[in-house]
Amino acid sequence: MESLALGHILLLGLLSAAAAAAAGRAVARTWRAPVTLIVYAVLLGLVVEFLAYALFGASLMSISGAAFAFGWTLLCALIAFRLTRARQMVVQYGFTRAPKA
């Protein structure tokens, strides 16, 4: 993705962040292990690379672009997973909270 303009990178970054967050929330809601997010992040990273190639004429499958896309989608997915799982735990196991003093 190194041959893209800043606006193109931001657009693809926002789209991939939204898709990764949706994947993270879906994995958390179904009580699956967070390891499954790695598979989803790889697939989403490949989609981002293809979109950069198809829409903006970037080089297809550059190592640095693919690594950045994978890292970004994995980070967004893990953050969404953690927030959703924490919310689920508070709702489901709220009786274990310490009483307020």
N, C-alpha and C. Protein backbone atom coordinates (compact mmCIF):
# COMPACT_ATOMS: atom_id res chain seq x y z
N MET A 1 0.82 -1.18 0.00
CA MET A 1 0.00 0.00 0.00
C MET A 1 0.87 1.25 0.00
N GLU A 2 2.15 1.10 -0.22
CA GLU A 2 3.02 2.25 -0.15
C GLU A 2 2.86 3.21 -1.33
N SER A 3 2.22 2.79 -2.40
CA SER A 3 2.05 3.68 -3.54
C SER A 3 0.71 4.41 -3.52
N LEU A 4 -0.01 4.35 -2.44
CA LEU A 4 -1.32 4.99 -2.34
C LEU A 4 -1.20 6.39 -1.74
N ALA A 5 -2.13 7.24 -2.09
CA ALA A 5 -2.21 8.57 -1.48
C ALA A 5 -2.77 8.45 -0.07
N LEU A 6 -2.57 9.48 0.72
CA LEU A 6 -3.01 9.45 2.11
C LEU A 6 -4.53 9.27 2.22
N GLY A 7 -5.29 9.90 1.35
CA GLY A 7 -6.75 9.76 1.39
C GLY A 7 -7.19 8.34 1.12
N HIS A 8 -6.52 7.67 0.20
CA HIS A 8 -6.86 6.27 -0.11
C HIS A 8 -6.53 5.36 1.07
N ILE A 9 -5.41 5.62 1.71
CA ILE A 9 -5.02 4.81 2.86
C ILE A 9 -6.03 5.00 4.00
N LEU A 10 -6.43 6.24 4.23
CA LEU A 10 -7.41 6.49 5.29
C LEU A 10 -8.76 5.85 4.99
N LEU A 11 -9.19 5.91 3.74
CA LEU A 11 -10.46 5.29 3.37
C LEU A 11 -10.42 3.78 3.58
N LEU A 12 -9.37 3.15 3.09
CA LEU A 12 -9.25 1.70 3.27
C LEU A 12 -9.07 1.34 4.74
N GLY A 13 -8.37 2.19 5.48
CA GLY A 13 -8.19 1.94 6.91
C GLY A 13 -9.49 2.00 7.68
N LEU A 14 -10.33 2.98 7.35
CA LEU A 14 -11.63 3.07 8.03
C LEU A 14 -12.54 1.91 7.67
N LEU A 15 -12.55 1.53 6.40
CA LEU A 15 -13.38 0.39 5.99
C LEU A 15 -12.92 -0.91 6.64
N SER A 16 -11.61 -1.12 6.66
CA SER A 16 -11.11 -2.35 7.26
C SER A 16 -11.30 -2.35 8.77
N ALA A 17 -11.20 -1.17 9.41
CA ALA A 17 -11.43 -1.10 10.85
C ALA A 17 -12.88 -1.44 11.19
N ALA A 18 -13.80 -0.94 10.38
CA ALA A 18 -15.22 -1.25 10.63
C ALA A 18 -15.50 -2.73 10.43
N ALA A 19 -14.94 -3.32 9.39
CA ALA A 19 -15.16 -4.75 9.15
C ALA A 19 -14.51 -5.60 10.25
N ALA A 20 -13.31 -5.21 10.67
CA ALA A 20 -12.63 -5.96 11.72
C ALA A 20 -13.35 -5.83 13.05
N ALA A 21 -13.88 -4.65 13.34
CA ALA A 21 -14.64 -4.48 14.58
C ALA A 21 -15.90 -5.33 14.56
N ALA A 22 -16.55 -5.42 13.43
CA ALA A 22 -17.73 -6.28 13.32
C ALA A 22 -17.35 -7.74 13.53
N ALA A 23 -16.21 -8.15 12.98
CA ALA A 23 -15.76 -9.53 13.18
C ALA A 23 -15.42 -9.78 14.64
N GLY A 24 -14.77 -8.84 15.29
CA GLY A 24 -14.43 -9.00 16.70
C GLY A 24 -15.66 -9.10 17.59
N ARG A 25 -16.66 -8.25 17.30
CA ARG A 25 -17.90 -8.33 18.08
C ARG A 25 -18.63 -9.65 17.83
N ALA A 26 -18.62 -10.14 16.59
CA ALA A 26 -19.31 -11.39 16.28
C ALA A 26 -18.64 -12.57 16.98
N VAL A 27 -17.32 -12.59 17.02
CA VAL A 27 -16.61 -13.68 17.69
C VAL A 27 -16.88 -13.62 19.19
N ALA A 28 -16.90 -12.44 19.76
CA ALA A 28 -17.15 -12.32 21.20
C ALA A 28 -18.58 -12.71 21.55
N ARG A 29 -19.53 -12.30 20.74
CA ARG A 29 -20.94 -12.61 21.04
C ARG A 29 -21.24 -14.10 20.99
N THR A 30 -20.51 -14.84 20.17
CA THR A 30 -20.73 -16.28 20.06
C THR A 30 -19.83 -17.07 21.00
N TRP A 31 -19.11 -16.39 21.88
CA TRP A 31 -18.25 -16.98 22.89
C TRP A 31 -17.16 -17.87 22.29
N ARG A 32 -16.68 -17.52 21.12
CA ARG A 32 -15.56 -18.26 20.53
C ARG A 32 -14.24 -17.72 21.06
N ALA A 33 -13.20 -18.48 20.86
CA ALA A 33 -11.86 -18.07 21.32
C ALA A 33 -11.32 -16.93 20.45
N PRO A 34 -10.55 -16.04 21.04
CA PRO A 34 -10.01 -14.92 20.26
C PRO A 34 -8.99 -15.35 19.19
N VAL A 35 -8.54 -16.59 19.25
CA VAL A 35 -7.60 -17.09 18.23
C VAL A 35 -8.26 -17.10 16.85
N THR A 36 -9.55 -17.26 16.80
CA THR A 36 -10.24 -17.27 15.50
C THR A 36 -10.15 -15.91 14.81
N LEU A 37 -9.86 -14.87 15.56
CA LEU A 37 -9.71 -13.55 14.96
C LEU A 37 -8.49 -13.48 14.04
N ILE A 38 -7.51 -14.32 14.28
CA ILE A 38 -6.33 -14.33 13.41
C ILE A 38 -6.72 -14.73 12.00
N VAL A 39 -7.57 -15.72 11.89
CA VAL A 39 -8.03 -16.17 10.56
C VAL A 39 -8.81 -15.04 9.88
N TYR A 40 -9.69 -14.40 10.63
CA TYR A 40 -10.48 -13.32 10.06
C TYR A 40 -9.61 -12.13 9.68
N ALA A 41 -8.58 -11.85 10.48
CA ALA A 41 -7.69 -10.73 10.17
C ALA A 41 -6.88 -11.01 8.91
N VAL A 42 -6.47 -12.25 8.71
CA VAL A 42 -5.75 -12.60 7.48
C VAL A 42 -6.66 -12.40 6.27
N LEU A 43 -7.87 -12.88 6.37
CA LEU A 43 -8.80 -12.74 5.25
C LEU A 43 -9.13 -11.28 4.98
N LEU A 44 -9.37 -10.50 6.02
CA LEU A 44 -9.67 -9.08 5.83
C LEU A 44 -8.46 -8.33 5.29
N GLY A 45 -7.26 -8.71 5.72
CA GLY A 45 -6.05 -8.10 5.19
C GLY A 45 -5.89 -8.36 3.70
N LEU A 46 -6.22 -9.57 3.27
CA LEU A 46 -6.18 -9.88 1.84
C LEU A 46 -7.22 -9.09 1.06
N VAL A 47 -8.38 -8.90 1.65
CA VAL A 47 -9.42 -8.11 1.00
C VAL A 47 -8.97 -6.66 0.85
N VAL A 48 -8.35 -6.11 1.88
CA VAL A 48 -7.86 -4.73 1.82
C VAL A 48 -6.80 -4.60 0.73
N GLU A 49 -5.89 -5.57 0.65
CA GLU A 49 -4.86 -5.54 -0.39
C GLU A 49 -5.50 -5.59 -1.78
N PHE A 50 -6.50 -6.43 -1.95
CA PHE A 50 -7.16 -6.52 -3.25
C PHE A 50 -7.89 -5.22 -3.59
N LEU A 51 -8.57 -4.64 -2.61
CA LEU A 51 -9.27 -3.38 -2.86
C LEU A 51 -8.29 -2.26 -3.23
N ALA A 52 -7.14 -2.23 -2.58
CA ALA A 52 -6.13 -1.22 -2.93
C ALA A 52 -5.65 -1.43 -4.36
N TYR A 53 -5.51 -2.67 -4.75
CA TYR A 53 -5.08 -2.97 -6.12
C TYR A 53 -6.18 -2.65 -7.12
N ALA A 54 -7.40 -3.09 -6.84
CA ALA A 54 -8.49 -2.95 -7.81
C ALA A 54 -8.98 -1.51 -7.94
N LEU A 55 -9.05 -0.79 -6.83
CA LEU A 55 -9.61 0.55 -6.87
C LEU A 55 -8.58 1.64 -7.14
N PHE A 56 -7.39 1.47 -6.60
CA PHE A 56 -6.43 2.56 -6.65
C PHE A 56 -5.14 2.22 -7.38
N GLY A 57 -5.02 1.03 -7.93
CA GLY A 57 -3.87 0.66 -8.73
C GLY A 57 -2.60 0.42 -7.94
N ALA A 58 -2.70 0.06 -6.69
CA ALA A 58 -1.53 -0.25 -5.88
C ALA A 58 -0.96 -1.59 -6.31
N SER A 59 0.26 -1.86 -5.87
CA SER A 59 0.86 -3.15 -6.21
C SER A 59 0.12 -4.26 -5.45
N LEU A 60 -0.06 -5.35 -6.15
CA LEU A 60 -0.81 -6.46 -5.56
C LEU A 60 0.12 -7.29 -4.68
N MET A 61 -0.29 -7.49 -3.45
CA MET A 61 0.39 -8.34 -2.48
C MET A 61 1.83 -7.92 -2.18
N SER A 62 2.01 -6.68 -1.86
CA SER A 62 3.32 -6.27 -1.34
C SER A 62 3.41 -6.76 0.10
N ILE A 63 4.57 -7.18 0.50
CA ILE A 63 4.74 -7.77 1.83
C ILE A 63 4.46 -6.73 2.92
N SER A 64 4.98 -5.54 2.74
CA SER A 64 4.78 -4.52 3.78
C SER A 64 3.31 -4.10 3.86
N GLY A 65 2.64 -3.98 2.72
CA GLY A 65 1.23 -3.62 2.72
C GLY A 65 0.36 -4.70 3.33
N ALA A 66 0.66 -5.95 3.02
CA ALA A 66 -0.11 -7.06 3.58
C ALA A 66 0.11 -7.16 5.09
N ALA A 67 1.34 -6.96 5.53
CA ALA A 67 1.63 -7.02 6.97
C ALA A 67 0.93 -5.89 7.71
N PHE A 68 0.94 -4.69 7.13
CA PHE A 68 0.26 -3.58 7.77
C PHE A 68 -1.25 -3.81 7.81
N ALA A 69 -1.83 -4.28 6.72
CA ALA A 69 -3.27 -4.54 6.67
C ALA A 69 -3.65 -5.62 7.69
N PHE A 70 -2.84 -6.67 7.80
CA PHE A 70 -3.11 -7.72 8.78
C PHE A 70 -3.02 -7.18 10.19
N GLY A 71 -1.98 -6.42 10.48
CA GLY A 71 -1.80 -5.88 11.82
C GLY A 71 -2.92 -4.92 12.22
N TRP A 72 -3.31 -4.07 11.29
CA TRP A 72 -4.37 -3.10 11.57
C TRP A 72 -5.71 -3.80 11.82
N THR A 73 -6.05 -4.76 10.97
CA THR A 73 -7.33 -5.45 11.15
C THR A 73 -7.32 -6.30 12.41
N LEU A 74 -6.19 -6.92 12.72
CA LEU A 74 -6.11 -7.71 13.95
C LEU A 74 -6.24 -6.83 15.18
N LEU A 75 -5.60 -5.67 15.17
CA LEU A 75 -5.70 -4.75 16.30
C LEU A 75 -7.14 -4.29 16.51
N CYS A 76 -7.80 -3.87 15.46
CA CYS A 76 -9.19 -3.41 15.57
C CYS A 76 -10.12 -4.53 16.01
N ALA A 77 -9.90 -5.72 15.49
CA ALA A 77 -10.74 -6.86 15.87
C ALA A 77 -10.54 -7.23 17.33
N LEU A 78 -9.30 -7.21 17.81
CA LEU A 78 -9.05 -7.56 19.20
C LEU A 78 -9.62 -6.52 20.17
N ILE A 79 -9.55 -5.25 19.79
CA ILE A 79 -10.13 -4.21 20.65
C ILE A 79 -11.65 -4.38 20.74
N ALA A 80 -12.29 -4.60 19.60
CA ALA A 80 -13.74 -4.81 19.61
C ALA A 80 -14.11 -6.09 20.37
N PHE A 81 -13.31 -7.13 20.21
CA PHE A 81 -13.54 -8.38 20.93
C PHE A 81 -13.47 -8.14 22.43
N ARG A 82 -12.44 -7.46 22.88
CA ARG A 82 -12.25 -7.23 24.31
C ARG A 82 -13.37 -6.38 24.91
N LEU A 83 -13.77 -5.33 24.21
CA LEU A 83 -14.84 -4.49 24.73
C LEU A 83 -16.17 -5.24 24.80
N THR A 84 -16.46 -6.03 23.76
CA THR A 84 -17.71 -6.79 23.74
C THR A 84 -17.70 -7.88 24.80
N ARG A 85 -16.58 -8.58 24.94
CA ARG A 85 -16.50 -9.65 25.93
C ARG A 85 -16.60 -9.09 27.35
N ALA A 86 -16.00 -7.95 27.61
CA ALA A 86 -16.09 -7.34 28.94
C ALA A 86 -17.54 -6.94 29.25
N ARG A 87 -18.22 -6.41 28.25
CA ARG A 87 -19.63 -6.03 28.44
C ARG A 87 -20.47 -7.28 28.71
N GLN A 88 -20.20 -8.36 27.99
CA GLN A 88 -20.94 -9.61 28.21
C GLN A 88 -20.71 -10.15 29.62
N MET A 89 -19.47 -10.10 30.08
CA MET A 89 -19.15 -10.64 31.40
C MET A 89 -19.82 -9.83 32.51
N VAL A 90 -19.88 -8.52 32.33
CA VAL A 90 -20.53 -7.68 33.34
C VAL A 90 -22.02 -7.98 33.39
N VAL A 91 -22.64 -8.15 32.24
CA VAL A 91 -24.07 -8.43 32.20
C VAL A 91 -24.37 -9.82 32.75
N GLN A 92 -23.59 -10.81 32.30
CA GLN A 92 -23.90 -12.19 32.69
C GLN A 92 -23.49 -12.48 34.13
N TYR A 93 -22.38 -11.93 34.57
CA TYR A 93 -21.87 -12.24 35.91
C TYR A 93 -21.84 -10.99 36.79
N GLY A 94 -22.85 -10.17 36.67
CA GLY A 94 -22.90 -8.94 37.44
C GLY A 94 -23.06 -9.15 38.92
N PHE A 95 -23.56 -10.32 39.32
CA PHE A 95 -23.78 -10.59 40.75
C PHE A 95 -22.47 -10.75 41.51
N THR A 96 -21.35 -10.93 40.82
CA THR A 96 -20.08 -11.12 41.51
C THR A 96 -19.38 -9.83 41.83
N ARG A 97 -19.94 -8.69 41.41
CA ARG A 97 -19.32 -7.41 41.72
C ARG A 97 -19.40 -7.13 43.22
N ALA A 98 -18.35 -6.48 43.69
CA ALA A 98 -18.32 -6.12 45.12
C ALA A 98 -19.32 -5.01 45.39
N PRO A 99 -19.97 -5.03 46.53
CA PRO A 99 -20.92 -3.96 46.84
C PRO A 99 -20.19 -2.64 47.03
N LYS A 100 -20.88 -1.57 46.66
CA LYS A 100 -20.29 -0.23 46.80
C LYS A 100 -20.34 0.19 48.26
N ALA A 101 -19.26 0.79 48.69
CA ALA A 101 -19.17 1.22 50.09
C ALA A 101 -19.77 2.57 50.31
